[in-house]
Amino acid sequence: MLAKHKLARINELAKKAKTAGLSAEEAFEQAKLRREYIQAFRKAMTDMLHTVTVIDPNGHDVTPKKLKESQRRRFH
């Protein structure tokens, strides 16, 4: 995930945007940090999904084919 100091800066800029407004440099920094955050979130979500196996109530593996193929490519 994103470093704590970067998350703190995102929050700081968001608060400032609501109260005093942001300068052009701060708006650029905020956009850059948000892109980093979204990229890190997507990577974490993808990594988590690669560990998922779906089992139905009867105990059968019903993991979607697309996910199985992605897991196979990632781990082989």
N, C-alpha and C. Protein backbone atom coordinates (compact mmCIF):
# COMPACT_ATOMS: atom_id res chain seq x y z
N MET A 1 0.84 -1.18 0.00
CA MET A 1 0.00 0.00 0.00
C MET A 1 0.88 1.25 0.00
N LEU A 2 0.26 2.36 -0.02
CA LEU A 2 0.97 3.63 -0.08
C LEU A 2 1.56 3.97 1.29
N ALA A 3 2.68 4.64 1.30
CA ALA A 3 3.35 5.03 2.55
C ALA A 3 2.44 5.94 3.38
N LYS A 4 2.57 5.83 4.69
CA LYS A 4 1.72 6.60 5.60
C LYS A 4 1.87 8.10 5.39
N HIS A 5 3.08 8.56 5.13
CA HIS A 5 3.27 10.00 4.95
C HIS A 5 2.57 10.50 3.68
N LYS A 6 2.46 9.64 2.66
CA LYS A 6 1.77 10.04 1.44
C LYS A 6 0.25 10.08 1.68
N LEU A 7 -0.26 9.11 2.43
CA LEU A 7 -1.69 9.12 2.78
C LEU A 7 -2.03 10.35 3.60
N ALA A 8 -1.15 10.68 4.53
CA ALA A 8 -1.37 11.87 5.36
C ALA A 8 -1.38 13.12 4.48
N ARG A 9 -0.50 13.18 3.50
CA ARG A 9 -0.44 14.34 2.61
C ARG A 9 -1.71 14.44 1.74
N ILE A 10 -2.21 13.29 1.27
CA ILE A 10 -3.46 13.28 0.50
C ILE A 10 -4.58 13.89 1.34
N ASN A 11 -4.68 13.44 2.59
CA ASN A 11 -5.72 13.95 3.48
C ASN A 11 -5.54 15.43 3.78
N GLU A 12 -4.30 15.83 3.98
CA GLU A 12 -4.00 17.24 4.25
C GLU A 12 -4.43 18.12 3.07
N LEU A 13 -4.11 17.69 1.87
CA LEU A 13 -4.48 18.45 0.68
C LEU A 13 -6.00 18.46 0.47
N ALA A 14 -6.65 17.37 0.78
CA ALA A 14 -8.11 17.31 0.65
C ALA A 14 -8.78 18.30 1.60
N LYS A 15 -8.29 18.36 2.83
CA LYS A 15 -8.84 19.30 3.80
C LYS A 15 -8.61 20.75 3.35
N LYS A 16 -7.40 21.00 2.86
CA LYS A 16 -7.07 22.35 2.41
C LYS A 16 -7.92 22.74 1.20
N ALA A 17 -8.18 21.79 0.32
CA ALA A 17 -8.99 22.06 -0.87
C ALA A 17 -10.41 22.47 -0.48
N LYS A 18 -10.92 21.89 0.60
CA LYS A 18 -12.27 22.21 1.05
C LYS A 18 -12.34 23.56 1.75
N THR A 19 -11.26 23.98 2.36
CA THR A 19 -11.28 25.22 3.14
C THR A 19 -10.70 26.41 2.37
N ALA A 20 -9.42 26.37 2.11
CA ALA A 20 -8.74 27.54 1.51
C ALA A 20 -8.53 27.42 0.02
N GLY A 21 -8.65 26.22 -0.53
CA GLY A 21 -8.35 26.01 -1.95
C GLY A 21 -6.89 25.66 -2.14
N LEU A 22 -6.58 25.10 -3.28
CA LEU A 22 -5.22 24.66 -3.57
C LEU A 22 -4.58 25.52 -4.64
N SER A 23 -3.27 25.68 -4.52
CA SER A 23 -2.52 26.35 -5.58
C SER A 23 -2.39 25.35 -6.74
N ALA A 24 -1.91 25.81 -7.86
CA ALA A 24 -1.73 24.93 -9.02
C ALA A 24 -0.75 23.80 -8.70
N GLU A 25 0.32 24.13 -7.97
CA GLU A 25 1.31 23.10 -7.59
C GLU A 25 0.70 22.07 -6.67
N GLU A 26 -0.09 22.52 -5.71
CA GLU A 26 -0.72 21.60 -4.78
C GLU A 26 -1.76 20.73 -5.48
N ALA A 27 -2.51 21.28 -6.40
CA ALA A 27 -3.49 20.51 -7.16
C ALA A 27 -2.79 19.43 -7.99
N PHE A 28 -1.65 19.78 -8.58
CA PHE A 28 -0.86 18.80 -9.34
C PHE A 28 -0.36 17.70 -8.41
N GLU A 29 0.16 18.09 -7.25
CA GLU A 29 0.65 17.11 -6.27
C GLU A 29 -0.48 16.20 -5.82
N GLN A 30 -1.65 16.78 -5.57
CA GLN A 30 -2.79 15.99 -5.13
C GLN A 30 -3.18 14.97 -6.20
N ALA A 31 -3.23 15.38 -7.44
CA ALA A 31 -3.58 14.47 -8.54
C ALA A 31 -2.56 13.35 -8.66
N LYS A 32 -1.29 13.70 -8.52
CA LYS A 32 -0.21 12.69 -8.61
C LYS A 32 -0.33 11.68 -7.47
N LEU A 33 -0.57 12.16 -6.26
CA LEU A 33 -0.70 11.27 -5.11
C LEU A 33 -1.93 10.37 -5.24
N ARG A 34 -3.01 10.94 -5.74
CA ARG A 34 -4.22 10.13 -5.94
C ARG A 34 -3.99 9.03 -6.96
N ARG A 35 -3.26 9.33 -8.05
CA ARG A 35 -2.94 8.30 -9.04
C ARG A 35 -2.10 7.20 -8.41
N GLU A 36 -1.11 7.58 -7.60
CA GLU A 36 -0.28 6.59 -6.90
C GLU A 36 -1.13 5.71 -5.99
N TYR A 37 -2.05 6.34 -5.27
CA TYR A 37 -2.91 5.61 -4.35
C TYR A 37 -3.78 4.60 -5.11
N ILE A 38 -4.39 5.04 -6.20
CA ILE A 38 -5.25 4.15 -6.98
C ILE A 38 -4.44 3.00 -7.57
N GLN A 39 -3.24 3.30 -8.06
CA GLN A 39 -2.37 2.26 -8.62
C GLN A 39 -2.02 1.23 -7.54
N ALA A 40 -1.67 1.68 -6.35
CA ALA A 40 -1.32 0.78 -5.25
C ALA A 40 -2.54 -0.04 -4.83
N PHE A 41 -3.71 0.59 -4.78
CA PHE A 41 -4.94 -0.11 -4.42
C PHE A 41 -5.25 -1.21 -5.43
N ARG A 42 -5.15 -0.89 -6.71
CA ARG A 42 -5.44 -1.88 -7.75
C ARG A 42 -4.47 -3.06 -7.69
N LYS A 43 -3.20 -2.77 -7.44
CA LYS A 43 -2.22 -3.85 -7.34
C LYS A 43 -2.53 -4.76 -6.15
N ALA A 44 -2.86 -4.15 -5.01
CA ALA A 44 -3.20 -4.93 -3.82
C ALA A 44 -4.44 -5.79 -4.07
N MET A 45 -5.43 -5.22 -4.75
CA MET A 45 -6.66 -5.96 -5.04
C MET A 45 -6.37 -7.12 -5.99
N THR A 46 -5.57 -6.88 -7.01
CA THR A 46 -5.21 -7.93 -7.96
C THR A 46 -4.44 -9.05 -7.25
N ASP A 47 -3.49 -8.67 -6.40
CA ASP A 47 -2.73 -9.67 -5.65
C ASP A 47 -3.65 -10.50 -4.77
N MET A 48 -4.62 -9.86 -4.13
CA MET A 48 -5.56 -10.56 -3.27
C MET A 48 -6.43 -11.52 -4.09
N LEU A 49 -6.90 -11.07 -5.24
CA LEU A 49 -7.75 -11.92 -6.07
C LEU A 49 -7.01 -13.16 -6.58
N HIS A 50 -5.71 -13.04 -6.73
CA HIS A 50 -4.94 -14.19 -7.20
C HIS A 50 -4.82 -15.27 -6.12
N THR A 51 -5.28 -15.01 -4.92
CA THR A 51 -5.25 -16.01 -3.85
C THR A 51 -6.62 -16.64 -3.62
N VAL A 52 -7.64 -16.20 -4.38
CA VAL A 52 -9.02 -16.63 -4.14
C VAL A 52 -9.32 -17.93 -4.88
N THR A 53 -10.03 -18.81 -4.20
CA THR A 53 -10.61 -20.00 -4.80
C THR A 53 -12.08 -20.01 -4.37
N VAL A 54 -12.97 -20.16 -5.33
CA VAL A 54 -14.40 -20.16 -5.03
C VAL A 54 -14.88 -21.60 -4.94
N ILE A 55 -15.49 -21.93 -3.79
CA ILE A 55 -16.00 -23.28 -3.54
C ILE A 55 -17.51 -23.19 -3.35
N ASP A 56 -18.27 -24.02 -4.06
CA ASP A 56 -19.73 -24.01 -3.89
C ASP A 56 -20.11 -24.80 -2.63
N PRO A 57 -21.39 -24.77 -2.24
CA PRO A 57 -21.82 -25.47 -1.02
C PRO A 57 -21.56 -26.98 -1.04
N ASN A 58 -21.40 -27.56 -2.23
CA ASN A 58 -21.12 -28.99 -2.34
C ASN A 58 -19.64 -29.31 -2.29
N GLY A 59 -18.81 -28.29 -2.15
CA GLY A 59 -17.37 -28.49 -2.05
C GLY A 59 -16.64 -28.52 -3.38
N HIS A 60 -17.29 -28.14 -4.46
CA HIS A 60 -16.66 -28.14 -5.78
C HIS A 60 -16.02 -26.78 -6.06
N ASP A 61 -14.87 -26.83 -6.70
CA ASP A 61 -14.18 -25.61 -7.10
C ASP A 61 -14.93 -24.99 -8.28
N VAL A 62 -15.48 -23.81 -8.09
CA VAL A 62 -16.22 -23.11 -9.15
C VAL A 62 -15.56 -21.76 -9.45
N THR A 63 -14.27 -21.70 -9.26
CA THR A 63 -13.52 -20.48 -9.56
C THR A 63 -13.67 -20.17 -11.04
N PRO A 64 -14.00 -18.92 -11.40
CA PRO A 64 -14.15 -18.58 -12.81
C PRO A 64 -12.90 -18.91 -13.63
N LYS A 65 -13.11 -19.37 -14.86
CA LYS A 65 -12.00 -19.77 -15.73
C LYS A 65 -11.01 -18.63 -15.94
N LYS A 66 -11.52 -17.43 -16.11
CA LYS A 66 -10.64 -16.28 -16.34
C LYS A 66 -9.70 -16.07 -15.15
N LEU A 67 -10.22 -16.22 -13.93
CA LEU A 67 -9.38 -16.06 -12.74
C LEU A 67 -8.36 -17.19 -12.65
N LYS A 68 -8.78 -18.43 -12.94
CA LYS A 68 -7.85 -19.56 -12.90
C LYS A 68 -6.70 -19.35 -13.89
N GLU A 69 -7.04 -18.89 -15.08
CA GLU A 69 -6.01 -18.64 -16.10
C GLU A 69 -5.05 -17.55 -15.65
N SER A 70 -5.58 -16.50 -15.05
CA SER A 70 -4.75 -15.42 -14.55
C SER A 70 -3.83 -15.91 -13.42
N GLN A 71 -4.37 -16.73 -12.53
CA GLN A 71 -3.56 -17.28 -11.44
C GLN A 71 -2.46 -18.17 -11.99
N ARG A 72 -2.78 -18.97 -12.96
CA ARG A 72 -1.80 -19.87 -13.57
C ARG A 72 -0.67 -19.09 -14.22
N ARG A 73 -1.02 -18.02 -14.97
CA ARG A 73 0.01 -17.19 -15.61
C ARG A 73 0.89 -16.51 -14.57
N ARG A 74 0.28 -16.07 -13.49
CA ARG A 74 1.03 -15.33 -12.48
C ARG A 74 2.00 -16.21 -11.69
N PHE A 75 1.60 -17.43 -11.41
CA PHE A 75 2.41 -18.28 -10.54
C PHE A 75 3.25 -19.31 -11.30
N HIS A 76 3.20 -19.29 -12.62
CA HIS A 76 4.02 -20.25 -13.37
C HIS A 76 4.89 -19.56 -14.36
